[in-house]
PDB file of N, CA and C in Angstrom:
ATOM      1  N   MET A   1      -6.491   2.284   4.320  1.00  0.00           N
ATOM      2  CA  MET A   1      -5.501   3.261   3.271  1.00  0.00           C
ATOM      3  C   MET A   1      -6.239   3.186   2.033  1.00  0.00           C
ATOM      4  N   LYS A   2      -6.041   4.260   1.383  1.00  0.00           N
ATOM      5  CA  LYS A   2      -6.690   3.739   0.178  1.00  0.00           C
ATOM      6  C   LYS A   2      -5.516   4.245  -0.723  1.00  0.00           C
ATOM      7  N   ILE A   3      -5.755   3.006  -1.824  1.00  0.00           N
ATOM      8  CA  ILE A   3      -4.033   3.194  -2.782  1.00  0.00           C
ATOM      9  C   ILE A   3      -4.832   2.917  -3.897  1.00  0.00           C
ATOM     10  N   LYS A   4      -4.070   3.116  -4.952  1.00  0.00           N
ATOM     11  CA  LYS A   4      -3.745   2.629  -6.485  1.00  0.00           C
ATOM     12  C   LYS A   4      -2.891   2.132  -7.546  1.00  0.00           C
ATOM     13  N   CYS A   5      -3.322   0.637  -7.259  1.00  0.00           N
ATOM     14  CA  CYS A   5      -2.777  -0.097  -7.767  1.00  0.00           C
ATOM     15  C   CYS A   5      -1.822   0.282  -8.958  1.00  0.00           C
ATOM     16  N   ALA A   6      -0.303  -0.490  -8.920  1.00  0.00           N
ATOM     17  CA  ALA A   6       0.812  -0.311 -10.280  1.00  0.00           C
ATOM     18  C   ALA A   6      -0.151  -1.207 -11.180  1.00  0.00           C
ATOM     19  N   ASN A   7      -0.348  -2.499 -11.039  1.00  0.00           N
ATOM     20  CA  ASN A   7      -0.162  -3.768 -11.575  1.00  0.00           C
ATOM     21  C   ASN A   7      -1.691  -3.608 -12.243  1.00  0.00           C
ATOM     22  N   CYS A   8      -2.772  -3.391 -11.780  1.00  0.00           N
ATOM     23  CA  CYS A   8      -4.228  -3.948 -12.024  1.00  0.00           C
ATOM     24  C   CYS A   8      -5.335  -2.510 -12.351  1.00  0.00           C
ATOM     25  N   ASP A   9      -4.621  -0.951 -11.966  1.00  0.00           N
ATOM     26  CA  ASP A   9      -5.000  -0.238 -11.524  1.00  0.00           C
ATOM     27  C   ASP A   9      -6.870  -0.109 -10.944  1.00  0.00           C
ATOM     28  N   TYR A  10      -6.147  -1.118  -9.897  1.00  0.00           N
ATOM     29  CA  TYR A  10      -7.299  -0.959  -8.831  1.00  0.00           C
ATOM     30  C   TYR A  10      -7.218   0.119  -7.711  1.00  0.00           C
ATOM     31  N   MET A  11      -8.738   0.529  -7.583  1.00  0.00           N
ATOM     32  CA  MET A  11      -8.269   1.731  -6.592  1.00  0.00           C
ATOM     33  C   MET A  11      -9.321   1.815  -5.789  1.00  0.00           C
ATOM     34  N   GLY A  12      -9.157   1.828  -4.639  1.00  0.00           N
ATOM     35  CA  GLY A  12      -9.722   1.251  -2.892  1.00  0.00           C
ATOM     36  C   GLY A  12      -8.993   1.139  -1.933  1.00  0.00           C
ATOM     37  N   GLU A  13      -9.823   0.492  -1.160  1.00  0.00           N
ATOM     38  CA  GLU A  13      -9.020   0.427   0.014  1.00  0.00           C
ATOM     39  C   GLU A  13      -7.956  -1.614   0.187  1.00  0.00           C
ATOM     40  N   ALA A  14      -6.668  -1.296   0.945  1.00  0.00           N
ATOM     41  CA  ALA A  14      -6.014  -2.193   0.967  1.00  0.00           C
ATOM     42  C   ALA A  14      -6.570  -3.231   1.405  1.00  0.00           C
ATOM     43  N   THR A  15      -5.797  -4.499   1.695  1.00  0.00           N
ATOM     44  CA  THR A  15      -6.352  -5.456   2.345  1.00  0.00           C
ATOM     45  C   THR A  15      -4.898  -5.880   3.270  1.00  0.00           C
ATOM     46  N   LEU A  16      -4.615  -6.892   4.259  1.00  0.00           N
ATOM     47  CA  LEU A  16      -3.981  -7.142   5.095  1.00  0.00           C
ATOM     48  C   LEU A  16      -3.750  -8.400   4.108  1.00  0.00           C
ATOM     49  N   LEU A  17      -2.346  -8.788   3.689  1.00  0.00           N
ATOM     50  CA  LEU A  17      -2.322 -10.414   2.912  1.00  0.00           C
ATOM     51  C   LEU A  17      -1.500 -11.333   3.770  1.00  0.00           C
ATOM     52  N   GLN A  18      -1.249 -12.653   3.706  1.00  0.00           N
ATOM     53  CA  GLN A  18      -0.181 -13.643   4.054  1.00  0.00           C
ATOM     54  C   GLN A  18       0.332 -13.728   3.057  1.00  0.00           C
ATOM     55  N   LYS A  19       1.797 -13.750   3.546  1.00  0.00           N
ATOM     56  CA  LYS A  19       2.657 -14.483   2.415  1.00  0.00           C
ATOM     57  C   LYS A  19       2.738 -16.105   2.245  1.00  0.00           C
ATOM     58  N   GLY A  20       2.583 -17.058   1.772  1.00  0.00           N
ATOM     59  CA  GLY A  20       2.766 -18.223   1.340  1.00  0.00           C
ATOM     60  C   GLY A  20       1.937 -18.523   0.839  1.00  0.00           C
ATOM     61  N   SER A  21       1.251 -20.097   1.409  1.00  0.00           N
ATOM     62  CA  SER A  21       0.386 -20.481   1.316  1.00  0.00           C
ATOM     63  C   SER A  21      -0.241 -21.576   1.998  1.00  0.00           C
ATOM     64  N   ARG A  22      -1.260 -21.662   1.691  1.00  0.00           N
ATOM     65  CA  ARG A  22      -2.183 -22.264   2.528  1.00  0.00           C
ATOM     66  C   ARG A  22      -2.538 -23.551   2.481  1.00  0.00           C
ATOM     67  N   SER A  23      -1.700 -24.523   1.174  1.00  0.00           N
ATOM     68  CA  SER A  23      -1.686 -25.857   0.850  1.00  0.00           C
ATOM     69  C   SER A  23      -0.393 -25.914   1.244  1.00  0.00           C
ATOM     70  N   LYS A  24       1.081 -25.515   1.455  1.00  0.00           N
ATOM     71  CA  LYS A  24       1.940 -25.568   1.687  1.00  0.00           C
ATOM     72  C   LYS A  24       1.849 -26.011   2.938  1.00  0.00           C
ATOM     73  N   GLU A  25       1.323 -24.646   3.746  1.00  0.00           N
ATOM     74  CA  GLU A  25       1.071 -25.165   5.376  1.00  0.00           C
ATOM     75  C   GLU A  25       0.864 -26.374   5.542  1.00  0.00           C
ATOM     76  N   ILE A  26      -0.624 -27.120   4.857  1.00  0.00           N
ATOM     77  CA  ILE A  26      -1.541 -28.000   5.213  1.00  0.00           C
ATOM     78  C   ILE A  26      -0.489 -29.228   5.534  1.00  0.00           C
ATOM     79  N   ALA A  27       0.164 -29.010   4.263  1.00  0.00           N
ATOM     80  CA  ALA A  27       1.461 -30.586   3.467  1.00  0.00           C
ATOM     81  C   ALA A  27       2.272 -30.316   4.518  1.00  0.00           C
ATOM     82  N   LEU A  28       2.868 -29.437   5.281  1.00  0.00           N
ATOM     83  CA  LEU A  28       4.364 -29.379   6.034  1.00  0.00           C
ATOM     84  C   LEU A  28       3.298 -30.217   7.387  1.00  0.00           C
ATOM     85  N   TRP A  29       2.313 -29.256   7.810  1.00  0.00           N
ATOM     86  CA  TRP A  29       1.305 -30.192   8.981  1.00  0.00           C
ATOM     87  C   TRP A  29       1.159 -31.449   9.067  1.00  0.00           C
ATOM     88  N   CYS A  30       1.112 -31.989   7.581  1.00  0.00           N
ATOM     89  CA  CYS A  30       0.936 -33.614   7.477  1.00  0.00           C
ATOM     90  C   CYS A  30       1.858 -34.647   7.743  1.00  0.00           C
ATOM     91  N   CYS A  31       2.570 -33.760   6.658  1.00  0.00           N
ATOM     92  CA  CYS A  31       4.310 -34.881   6.790  1.00  0.00           C
ATOM     93  C   CYS A  31       5.161 -34.388   8.209  1.00  0.00           C
ATOM     94  N   LEU A  32       4.964 -33.612   8.758  1.00  0.00           N
ATOM     95  CA  LEU A  32       6.009 -33.212   9.675  1.00  0.00           C
ATOM     96  C   LEU A  32       5.803 -32.104  10.890  1.00  0.00           C
ATOM     97  N   PHE A  33       5.855 -32.154  11.688  1.00  0.00           N
ATOM     98  CA  PHE A  33       5.366 -31.838  12.928  1.00  0.00           C
ATOM     99  C   PHE A  33       5.990 -30.235  12.721  1.00  0.00           C
ATOM    100  N   LEU A  34       7.511 -30.540  13.394  1.00  0.00           N
ATOM    101  CA  LEU A  34       8.448 -29.172  13.464  1.00  0.00           C
ATOM    102  C   LEU A  34       8.258 -28.285  12.330  1.00  0.00           C
ATOM    103  N   PRO A  35       7.824 -28.681  10.920  1.00  0.00           N
ATOM    104  CA  PRO A  35       8.582 -27.406  10.068  1.00  0.00           C
ATOM    105  C   PRO A  35       7.047 -26.662   9.243  1.00  0.00           C
ATOM    106  N   GLY A  36       5.780 -27.460   9.612  1.00  0.00           N
ATOM    107  CA  GLY A  36       4.561 -26.953   9.837  1.00  0.00           C
ATOM    108  C   GLY A  36       4.340 -25.867  10.872  1.00  0.00           C
ATOM    109  N   LEU A  37       4.768 -25.924  12.321  1.00  0.00           N
ATOM    110  CA  LEU A  37       4.287 -25.206  12.886  1.00  0.00           C
ATOM    111  C   LEU A  37       5.668 -24.109  12.850  1.00  0.00           C
ATOM    112  N   LEU A  38       6.475 -24.317  12.269  1.00  0.00           N
ATOM    113  CA  LEU A  38       7.609 -23.091  11.968  1.00  0.00           C
ATOM    114  C   LEU A  38       6.627 -22.152  10.897  1.00  0.00           C
ATOM    115  N   TYR A  39       6.726 -22.618   9.949  1.00  0.00           N
ATOM    116  CA  TYR A  39       5.695 -21.998   8.559  1.00  0.00           C
ATOM    117  C   TYR A  39       4.818 -21.513   9.095  1.00  0.00           C
ATOM    118  N   THR A  40       3.981 -21.831  10.138  1.00  0.00           N
ATOM    119  CA  THR A  40       2.679 -21.492  10.342  1.00  0.00           C
ATOM    120  C   THR A  40       3.109 -20.103  11.488  1.00  0.00           C
ATOM    121  N   LEU A  41       3.835 -20.128  12.008  1.00  0.00           N
ATOM    122  CA  LEU A  41       4.237 -18.971  12.968  1.00  0.00           C
ATOM    123  C   LEU A  41       5.229 -17.677  11.943  1.00  0.00           C
ATOM    124  N   TRP A  42       5.496 -18.279  11.025  1.00  0.00           N
ATOM    125  CA  TRP A  42       6.029 -17.523  10.329  1.00  0.00           C
ATOM    126  C   TRP A  42       4.735 -16.660   9.441  1.00  0.00           C
ATOM    127  N   ARG A  43       3.917 -17.020   8.737  1.00  0.00           N
ATOM    128  CA  ARG A  43       2.909 -16.788   7.741  1.00  0.00           C
ATOM    129  C   ARG A  43       1.883 -15.848   8.988  1.00  0.00           C
ATOM    130  N   GLN A  44       2.162 -16.227  10.430  1.00  0.00           N
ATOM    131  CA  GLN A  44       0.814 -15.273  11.401  1.00  0.00           C
ATOM    132  C   GLN A  44       1.871 -14.032  11.871  1.00  0.00           C
ATOM    133  N   SER A  45       2.873 -13.983  11.895  1.00  0.00           N
ATOM    134  CA  SER A  45       4.274 -13.150  12.394  1.00  0.00           C
ATOM    135  C   SER A  45       3.703 -11.834  10.928  1.00  0.00           C
ATOM    136  N   SER A  46       4.604 -10.552  11.903  1.00  0.00           N
ATOM    137  CA  SER A  46       4.564  -9.656  11.225  1.00  0.00           C
ATOM    138  C   SER A  46       5.508  -9.255  10.066  1.00  0.00           C
ATOM    139  N   ASP A  47       6.419 -10.505   9.471  1.00  0.00           N
ATOM    140  CA  ASP A  47       7.432 -10.825   8.777  1.00  0.00           C
ATOM    141  C   ASP A  47       6.034 -11.563   7.813  1.00  0.00           C
ATOM    142  N   GLY A  48       5.623 -12.067   7.466  1.00  0.00           N
ATOM    143  CA  GLY A  48       4.435 -13.127   6.999  1.00  0.00           C
ATOM    144  C   GLY A  48       3.154 -12.402   6.436  1.00  0.00           C
ATOM    145  N   ARG A  49       3.122 -11.216   6.711  1.00  0.00           N
ATOM    146  CA  ARG A  49       1.993 -10.205   6.789  1.00  0.00           C
ATOM    147  C   ARG A  49       2.483  -8.967   5.939  1.00  0.00           C
ATOM    148  N   TYR A  50       1.645  -8.493   4.401  1.00  0.00           N
ATOM    149  CA  TYR A  50       1.985  -7.249   3.861  1.00  0.00           C
ATOM    150  C   TYR A  50       0.625  -6.412   3.425  1.00  0.00           C
ATOM    151  N   MET A  51       0.601  -5.251   3.118  1.00  0.00           N
ATOM    152  CA  MET A  51      -0.724  -4.387   2.972  1.00  0.00           C
ATOM    153  C   MET A  51      -0.422  -4.648   1.383  1.00  0.00           C
ATOM    154  N   GLY A  52      -1.567  -5.024   0.616  1.00  0.00           N
ATOM    155  CA  GLY A  52      -1.571  -5.328  -0.703  1.00  0.00           C
ATOM    156  C   GLY A  52      -2.663  -5.025  -1.642  1.00  0.00           C
ATOM    157  N   CYS A  53      -2.745  -4.956  -2.694  1.00  0.00           N
ATOM    158  CA  CYS A  53      -4.152  -5.238  -3.641  1.00  0.00           C
ATOM    159  C   CYS A  53      -4.964  -6.711  -3.672  1.00  0.00           C
ATOM    160  N   PRO A  54      -6.222  -6.250  -2.975  1.00  0.00           N
ATOM    161  CA  PRO A  54      -7.181  -7.415  -3.326  1.00  0.00           C
ATOM    162  C   PRO A  54      -7.485  -8.170  -4.095  1.00  0.00           C
ATOM    163  N   GLN A  55      -7.297  -7.058  -5.518  1.00  0.00           N
ATOM    164  CA  GLN A  55      -7.887  -7.906  -7.011  1.00  0.00           C
ATOM    165  C   GLN A  55      -6.362  -8.845  -7.065  1.00  0.00           C
ATOM    166  N   CYS A  56      -4.959  -8.039  -7.542  1.00  0.00           N
ATOM    167  CA  CYS A  56      -4.189  -9.242  -7.595  1.00  0.00           C
ATOM    168  C   CYS A  56      -2.762  -9.417  -7.010  1.00  0.00           C
ATOM    169  N   LYS A  57      -2.624  -9.100  -5.471  1.00  0.00           N
ATOM    170  CA  LYS A  57      -2.212  -9.493  -4.718  1.00  0.00           C
ATOM    171  C   LYS A  57      -0.844  -9.008  -4.946  1.00  0.00           C
ATOM    172  N   SER A  58      -0.705  -7.395  -5.360  1.00  0.00           N
ATOM    173  CA  SER A  58       0.438  -7.233  -5.503  1.00  0.00           C
ATOM    174  C   SER A  58       0.853  -6.333  -4.513  1.00  0.00           C
ATOM    175  N   ALA A  59       2.325  -5.858  -4.057  1.00  0.00           N
ATOM    176  CA  ALA A  59       2.172  -5.410  -3.074  1.00  0.00           C
ATOM    177  C   ALA A  59       2.554  -3.677  -3.479  1.00  0.00           C
ATOM    178  N   GLN A  60       2.903  -3.592  -4.887  1.00  0.00           N
ATOM    179  CA  GLN A  60       2.801  -2.364  -5.060  1.00  0.00           C
ATOM    180  C   GLN A  60       2.413  -1.029  -5.858  1.00  0.00           C
ATOM    181  N   PHE A  61       1.734  -0.652  -4.504  1.00  0.00           N
ATOM    182  CA  PHE A  61       0.770   0.836  -4.899  1.00  0.00           C
ATOM    183  C   PHE A  61       1.322   1.764  -4.815  1.00  0.00           C
ATOM    184  N   ARG A  62       0.094   2.651  -4.226  1.00  0.00           N
ATOM    185  CA  ARG A  62       0.491   3.766  -4.311  1.00  0.00           C
ATOM    186  C   ARG A  62      -0.159   4.978  -3.984  1.00  0.00           C
ATOM    187  N   ARG A  63      -0.249   5.199  -2.555  1.00  0.00           N
ATOM    188  CA  ARG A  63      -1.179   5.559  -1.624  1.00  0.00           C
ATOM    189  C   ARG A  63      -1.977   7.299  -2.050  1.00  0.00           C
ATOM    190  N   ILE A  64      -3.224   7.125  -2.321  1.00  0.00           N
ATOM    191  CA  ILE A  64      -3.860   8.463  -2.266  1.00  0.00           C
ATOM    192  C   ILE A  64      -4.067   8.772  -1.269  1.00  0.00           C
ATOM    193  N   THR A  65      -4.319  10.152  -1.507  1.00  0.00           N
ATOM    194  CA  THR A  65      -4.371  11.318  -0.338  1.00  0.00           C
ATOM    195  C   THR A  65      -5.904  11.240  -0.313  1.00  0.00           C
ATOM    196  N   ARG A  66      -6.733  12.112   0.507  1.00  0.00           N
ATOM    197  CA  ARG A  66      -7.926  12.653   1.126  1.00  0.00           C
ATOM    198  C   ARG A  66      -8.338  13.087   0.087  1.00  0.00           C
ATOM    199  N   ARG A  67      -7.615  14.235  -0.659  1.00  0.00           N
ATOM    200  CA  ARG A  67      -7.812  15.138  -1.313  1.00  0.00           C
ATOM    201  C   ARG A  67      -7.870  14.616  -2.727  1.00  0.00           C
ATOM    202  N   GLU A  68      -6.968  13.745  -2.698  1.00  0.00           N
ATOM    203  CA  GLU A  68      -7.322  13.109  -4.290  1.00  0.00           C
ATOM    204  C   GLU A  68      -8.499  12.440  -4.777  1.00  0.00           C
ATOM    205  N   TRP A  69      -8.481  11.361  -3.388  1.00  0.00           N
ATOM    206  CA  TRP A  69     -10.031  10.741  -3.297  1.00  0.00           C
ATOM    207  C   TRP A  69     -11.111  11.413  -3.495  1.00  0.00           C
ATOM    208  N   LYS A  70     -11.253  12.835  -2.621  1.00  0.00           N
ATOM    209  CA  LYS A  70     -12.607  13.235  -3.242  1.00  0.00           C
ATOM    210  C   LYS A  70     -12.385  13.785  -4.647  1.00  0.00           C
ATOM    211  N   ASP A  71     -11.516  14.279  -4.729  1.00  0.00           N
ATOM    212  CA  ASP A  71     -11.413  14.868  -6.564  1.00  0.00           C
ATOM    213  C   ASP A  71     -11.903  13.165  -7.171  1.00  0.00           C
ATOM    214  N   LEU A  72     -11.413  12.168  -6.908  1.00  0.00           N
ATOM    215  CA  LEU A  72     -11.990  10.960  -7.795  1.00  0.00           C
ATOM    216  C   LEU A  72     -13.346  11.063  -7.732  1.00  0.00           C
ATOM    217  N   GLU A  73     -13.699  11.037  -6.982  1.00  0.00           N
ATOM    218  CA  GLU A  73     -15.101  10.854  -6.204  1.00  0.00           C
ATOM    219  C   GLU A  73     -16.292  11.997  -7.115  1.00  0.00           C
ATOM    220  N   ARG A  74     -15.587  13.102  -7.129  1.00  0.00           N
ATOM    221  CA  ARG A  74     -16.792  14.126  -7.551  1.00  0.00           C
ATOM    222  C   ARG A  74     -16.467  13.844  -9.066  1.00  0.00           C
ATOM    223  N   GLN A  75     -15.200  13.591  -9.670  1.00  0.00           N
ATOM    224  CA  GLN A  75     -14.753  13.288 -10.910  1.00  0.00           C
ATOM    225  C   GLN A  75     -15.879  12.170 -11.663  1.00  0.00           C
ATOM    226  N   GLY A  76     -16.548  11.165 -10.799  1.00  0.00           N
ATOM    227  CA  GLY A  76     -16.961   9.939 -11.321  1.00  0.00           C
ATOM    228  C   GLY A  76     -15.878   8.671 -11.360  1.00  0.00           C
ATOM    229  N   ALA A  77     -14.544   8.809 -11.270  1.00  0.00           N
ATOM    230  CA  ALA A  77     -13.748   7.933 -11.357  1.00  0.00           C
ATOM    231  C   ALA A  77     -13.685   6.874 -10.976  1.00  0.00           C
ATOM    232  N   LEU A  78     -14.385   6.728 -10.112  1.00  0.00           N
ATOM    233  CA  LEU A  78     -14.281   5.592  -9.389  1.00  0.00           C
ATOM    234  C   LEU A  78     -15.480   4.428  -9.608  1.00  0.00           C
ATOM    235  N   LYS A  79     -14.721   3.404  -9.558  1.00  0.00           N
ATOM    236  CA  LYS A  79     -16.309   2.241 -10.210  1.00  0.00           C
ATOM    237  C   LYS A  79     -17.176   2.488  -8.537  1.00  0.00           C
ATOM    238  N   ALA A  80     -18.416   2.125  -8.627  1.00  0.00           N
ATOM    239  CA  ALA A  80     -19.497   2.188  -7.786  1.00  0.00           C
ATOM    240  C   ALA A  80     -19.303   0.240  -7.319  1.00  0.00           C
TER     241      ALA A  80
END
C-alpha cells in the first residue's frame, strides 16, 4: 500500500511493524519464563503488529490512490 506519512513526509510503501521492543522481550525471557512467553505471543499476534512508515515508525499516514501516485511519478515529485 502506498502512503504519505504525516510526520516525516515519506512517500512510498508502508511496512508491517511490531509494537514493543526486542530488548525488553529478551530481558523478560532471561528473567522469567511466563512473562517472556506472553510478551512474545502478544508481539506476534495481530494486536502487536501495525502498518506504518518505515522511516519514522509512525502509524499516522494517508493512503495514496493509484491515480495520485501516477500523477506524482509524472511530476517527478517522488525521490528515486
